[in-house]
Amino acid sequence: TTTTTVVASCSPSVITTPSVLDTNPGQATYSNSQACTWTVTAPAGQYPTLTFTKYALQAGDYFVAYDGPSSMSRILMYETGPLATPPPVTGSSSTIYVEFSSDAAGTDAGVSAAVTFTTVASGPSLCSSPSAITTNNTVLSTNTWWSTYSDSMGCMWTITAPAPLHARITFLSFNTQATRDFFSLYEGLTTSRMLLRTSGTALPPSYRSAGQSLMAIFSSDYTIMGAGVTALITFE
């Protein structure tokens, strides 16, 4: 009796229409020592989105998406090993470049993502807008549209409540590279009185301005990226 080993192959490497990107279509698992790349290109004026419907990788196997046409572009996501299904990722231009590679030490069910295209007035920005917050119940984010913030980036927001109210910032999520990527908060609209400077994964407490205003600044270095910071701005 002859046993035939089926070697998994990836879905087509060039994607220009809504479709499915898959590491092992038609097969239960991907193969050892498998490598694939995809170039996902949206029509002019649109932006590609990957929405994950399956994610199962062994430790040592990698799935990486880049915000541009090559592996020299900014990393949108970098996943390896047994993790939860990633959130959707959207590019800031018409193209996302994707790489998958497995080692020789075991396989799993692989990755599958629906590819769709969205039309927006302009490319998605990292820092949430507006940068001058004057509206109650506004969400501040370091990485709108994307699952991680970028390297070597900076954001600044001024937060001003109408008189005689005060501004409050309540953190909803916090995940930055510890001791490298910092979120800072100041009383008023200058850096003269610092209320907070922190990094890592601990959720900071809520802060209320003594006057009408707060100022927030986020900065990252050139290495590891995190899921970022989101916070709710309210006036009271």
Protein backbone atom coordinates (compact mmCIF):
# COMPACT_ATOMS: atom_id res chain seq x y z
CA THR A 1 0.00 0.00 0.00
CA THR A 2 1.33 3.39 -0.99
CA THR A 3 0.53 6.38 1.21
CA THR A 4 0.39 9.73 -0.54
CA THR A 5 1.14 12.84 1.47
CA VAL A 6 -0.93 15.79 0.31
CA VAL A 7 1.06 19.01 0.38
CA ALA A 8 -1.13 22.00 1.10
CA SER A 9 -0.94 24.99 -1.20
CA CYS A 10 -2.08 28.53 -0.60
CA SER A 11 -4.89 30.39 -2.32
CA PRO A 12 -3.93 32.52 -5.37
CA SER A 13 -1.15 34.99 -4.57
CA VAL A 14 -2.61 37.98 -6.43
CA ILE A 15 -5.96 39.23 -5.13
CA THR A 16 -7.75 42.09 -6.87
CA THR A 17 -11.41 41.23 -6.21
CA PRO A 18 -13.32 40.37 -3.02
CA SER A 19 -12.37 36.78 -2.22
CA VAL A 20 -10.83 34.54 0.43
CA LEU A 21 -7.16 34.41 1.40
CA ASP A 22 -6.32 30.96 2.79
CA THR A 23 -3.13 29.16 3.83
CA ASN A 24 -4.54 25.73 2.94
CA PRO A 25 -7.77 25.79 0.90
CA GLY A 26 -9.37 22.37 0.61
CA GLN A 27 -7.01 20.83 3.17
CA ALA A 28 -7.56 20.34 6.92
CA THR A 29 -4.10 21.68 7.78
CA TYR A 30 -1.24 23.53 6.17
CA SER A 31 2.04 21.69 5.54
CA ASN A 32 5.40 21.70 7.26
CA SER A 33 7.94 24.08 5.69
CA GLN A 34 5.26 25.88 3.70
CA ALA A 35 5.71 29.46 2.52
CA CYS A 36 3.22 31.75 0.79
CA THR A 37 2.84 35.41 -0.10
CA TRP A 38 -0.17 37.39 -1.27
CA THR A 39 -0.53 40.85 -2.77
CA VAL A 40 -3.99 42.25 -2.09
CA THR A 41 -4.80 45.28 -4.24
CA ALA A 42 -8.02 47.27 -4.08
CA PRO A 43 -9.46 49.32 -6.95
CA ALA A 44 -8.47 52.98 -7.13
CA GLY A 45 -9.92 54.98 -4.25
CA GLN A 46 -10.55 51.92 -2.08
CA TYR A 47 -8.74 50.21 0.78
CA PRO A 48 -8.32 46.45 1.42
CA THR A 49 -9.59 44.82 4.61
CA LEU A 50 -8.78 41.31 5.92
CA THR A 51 -11.47 39.85 8.20
CA PHE A 52 -10.30 36.61 9.79
CA THR A 53 -12.65 33.63 9.83
CA LYS A 54 -10.08 31.03 10.90
CA TYR A 55 -6.82 31.29 12.83
CA ALA A 56 -4.84 28.30 14.13
CA LEU A 57 -1.05 28.28 13.97
CA GLN A 58 1.61 26.26 15.73
CA ALA A 59 4.41 28.02 17.61
CA GLY A 60 7.12 28.88 15.11
CA ASP A 61 4.68 29.47 12.24
CA TYR A 62 4.09 33.09 11.17
CA PHE A 63 1.41 35.17 9.48
CA VAL A 64 2.35 38.78 8.75
CA ALA A 65 0.44 41.56 6.95
CA TYR A 66 2.16 44.73 5.74
CA ASP A 67 0.59 48.10 5.02
CA GLY A 68 1.91 48.41 1.47
CA PRO A 69 3.24 46.43 -1.50
CA SER A 70 6.19 44.61 0.12
CA SER A 71 7.74 43.30 3.32
CA MET A 72 9.55 46.64 3.62
CA SER A 73 6.21 48.32 4.36
CA ARG A 74 4.86 49.07 7.84
CA ILE A 75 3.66 45.97 9.72
CA LEU A 76 -0.11 45.87 10.20
CA MET A 77 -0.11 42.59 12.12
CA TYR A 78 2.42 39.95 13.14
CA GLU A 79 0.95 36.72 14.48
CA THR A 80 2.56 33.46 15.52
CA GLY A 81 1.51 30.44 17.53
CA PRO A 82 -1.81 29.56 19.15
CA LEU A 83 -3.61 32.87 19.71
CA ALA A 84 -7.16 34.18 19.56
CA THR A 85 -8.55 35.07 16.14
CA PRO A 86 -7.09 38.49 15.24
CA PRO A 87 -9.31 41.53 14.67
CA PRO A 88 -9.79 42.82 11.10
CA VAL A 89 -7.00 44.90 9.56
CA THR A 90 -7.41 47.64 6.94
CA GLY A 91 -4.65 49.16 4.82
CA SER A 92 -3.96 52.86 4.52
CA SER A 93 -3.34 52.59 0.77
CA SER A 94 -4.64 50.34 -2.00
CA THR A 95 -2.33 47.39 -1.22
CA ILE A 96 -1.65 44.93 1.61
CA TYR A 97 1.21 42.44 1.30
CA VAL A 98 0.88 39.19 3.30
CA GLU A 99 3.38 36.46 4.21
CA PHE A 100 2.86 33.02 5.75
CA SER A 101 5.56 30.54 6.71
CA SER A 102 5.62 27.31 8.69
CA ASP A 103 8.53 25.43 10.19
CA ALA A 104 9.11 21.68 10.15
CA ALA A 105 7.80 20.98 13.66
CA GLY A 106 4.06 20.50 13.22
CA THR A 107 0.99 21.92 11.49
CA ASP A 108 -2.45 23.28 12.35
CA ALA A 109 -5.72 24.36 10.72
CA GLY A 110 -4.18 27.53 9.32
CA VAL A 111 -5.47 31.00 8.52
CA SER A 112 -8.39 32.12 6.41
CA ALA A 113 -9.53 35.71 5.85
CA ALA A 114 -12.26 37.34 3.81
CA VAL A 115 -10.85 40.05 1.55
CA THR A 116 -13.10 43.05 1.06
CA PHE A 117 -12.60 46.60 -0.16
CA THR A 118 -13.93 49.75 1.46
CA THR A 119 -14.37 53.21 0.01
CA VAL A 120 -13.35 56.08 2.27
CA ALA A 121 -12.87 59.76 1.56
CA SER A 122 -9.17 59.58 2.43
CA GLY A 123 -6.69 57.08 3.77
CA PRO A 124 -7.28 55.87 7.34
CA SER A 125 -5.27 57.77 9.93
CA LEU A 126 -3.51 56.25 12.93
CA CYS A 127 -4.30 58.84 15.60
CA SER A 128 -8.00 59.39 16.16
CA SER A 129 -9.53 62.65 15.10
CA PRO A 130 -10.29 65.33 15.94
CA SER A 131 -7.01 66.20 17.61
CA ALA A 132 -8.78 69.09 19.35
CA ILE A 133 -11.58 67.41 21.33
CA THR A 134 -14.45 69.69 22.35
CA THR A 135 -17.37 67.21 22.18
CA ASN A 136 -18.66 65.10 25.06
CA ASN A 137 -18.39 61.29 24.79
CA THR A 138 -15.53 61.29 22.25
CA VAL A 139 -13.31 58.20 21.93
CA LEU A 140 -9.57 58.86 21.69
CA SER A 141 -7.43 56.16 20.03
CA THR A 142 -3.76 55.73 19.14
CA ASN A 143 -4.55 53.50 16.15
CA THR A 144 -7.91 54.06 14.50
CA TRP A 145 -8.59 51.42 11.77
CA TRP A 146 -5.68 49.15 12.72
CA SER A 147 -5.07 46.43 15.29
CA THR A 148 -1.73 47.99 16.35
CA TYR A 149 -0.19 51.43 16.37
CA SER A 150 2.83 52.17 14.19
CA ASP A 151 6.49 52.46 15.06
CA SER A 152 8.09 55.91 15.33
CA MET A 153 4.73 57.66 15.59
CA GLY A 154 3.39 60.48 17.68
CA CYS A 155 -0.10 61.77 18.52
CA MET A 156 -1.27 64.79 20.46
CA TRP A 157 -4.81 65.67 21.55
CA THR A 158 -6.09 68.77 23.33
CA ILE A 159 -9.27 68.20 25.34
CA THR A 160 -11.38 71.21 26.31
CA ALA A 161 -14.70 71.13 28.14
CA PRO A 162 -17.16 74.03 27.88
CA ALA A 163 -17.18 76.32 30.93
CA PRO A 164 -17.87 75.64 33.73
CA LEU A 165 -17.39 71.89 33.14
CA HIS A 166 -14.27 69.75 33.63
CA ALA A 167 -12.78 67.15 31.27
CA ARG A 168 -12.42 63.50 32.27
CA ILE A 169 -10.45 60.75 30.51
CA THR A 170 -11.42 57.14 31.24
CA PHE A 171 -9.17 54.47 29.76
CA LEU A 172 -10.94 51.62 27.95
CA SER A 173 -7.87 49.65 26.82
CA PHE A 174 -4.12 50.03 27.26
CA ASN A 175 -1.40 47.96 25.58
CA THR A 176 1.95 49.51 24.66
CA GLN A 177 5.54 48.28 24.62
CA ALA A 178 6.70 48.61 28.23
CA THR A 179 9.34 51.29 28.93
CA ARG A 180 9.40 52.21 25.22
CA ASP A 181 6.03 53.52 24.00
CA PHE A 182 4.50 56.11 26.33
CA PHE A 183 1.12 57.74 26.87
CA SER A 184 1.37 61.04 28.74
CA LEU A 185 -1.37 63.25 30.17
CA TYR A 186 -1.09 66.88 31.26
CA GLU A 187 -3.28 69.36 33.10
CA GLY A 188 -4.22 72.25 30.81
CA LEU A 189 -2.90 72.79 27.30
CA THR A 190 0.84 72.81 28.05
CA THR A 191 3.35 70.23 29.30
CA SER A 192 4.11 72.14 32.52
CA ARG A 193 2.02 69.89 34.80
CA MET A 194 2.22 66.16 34.08
CA LEU A 195 -0.55 63.94 35.46
CA LEU A 196 0.50 60.61 33.93
CA ARG A 197 3.31 59.03 31.92
CA THR A 198 2.97 55.30 31.53
CA SER A 199 3.55 52.28 29.28
CA GLY A 200 2.84 48.54 29.38
CA THR A 201 -0.53 46.83 29.86
CA ALA A 202 -1.90 48.08 33.19
CA LEU A 203 -5.07 50.13 32.72
CA PRO A 204 -4.49 53.62 34.19
CA PRO A 205 -7.05 55.21 36.48
CA SER A 206 -9.49 57.87 35.30
CA TYR A 207 -8.34 61.52 35.45
CA ARG A 208 -10.42 64.69 35.82
CA SER A 209 -9.05 68.10 34.93
CA ALA A 210 -8.77 70.72 37.62
CA GLY A 211 -9.72 73.34 35.04
CA GLN A 212 -11.42 72.90 31.69
CA SER A 213 -8.61 71.23 29.74
CA LEU A 214 -6.29 68.26 29.42
CA MET A 215 -3.60 67.43 26.87
CA ALA A 216 -2.63 63.86 25.87
CA ILE A 217 0.50 62.77 23.98
CA PHE A 218 1.43 59.31 22.69
CA SER A 219 4.82 58.36 21.24
CA SER A 220 6.33 55.06 20.09
CA ASP A 221 9.86 54.03 19.23
CA TYR A 222 11.03 52.02 16.20
CA THR A 223 10.67 48.49 17.63
CA ILE A 224 7.75 46.40 18.94
CA MET A 225 4.19 47.67 18.50
CA GLY A 226 1.19 47.02 20.74
CA ALA A 227 -2.59 47.05 20.52
CA GLY A 228 -2.57 50.68 21.61
CA VAL A 229 -4.69 52.93 23.79
CA THR A 230 -8.37 53.86 23.69
CA ALA A 231 -10.03 56.23 26.11
CA LEU A 232 -13.40 57.88 26.54
CA ILE A 233 -13.50 61.67 26.95
CA THR A 234 -16.44 63.08 28.93
CA PHE A 235 -17.35 66.46 30.39
CA GLU A 236 -18.79 66.86 33.87
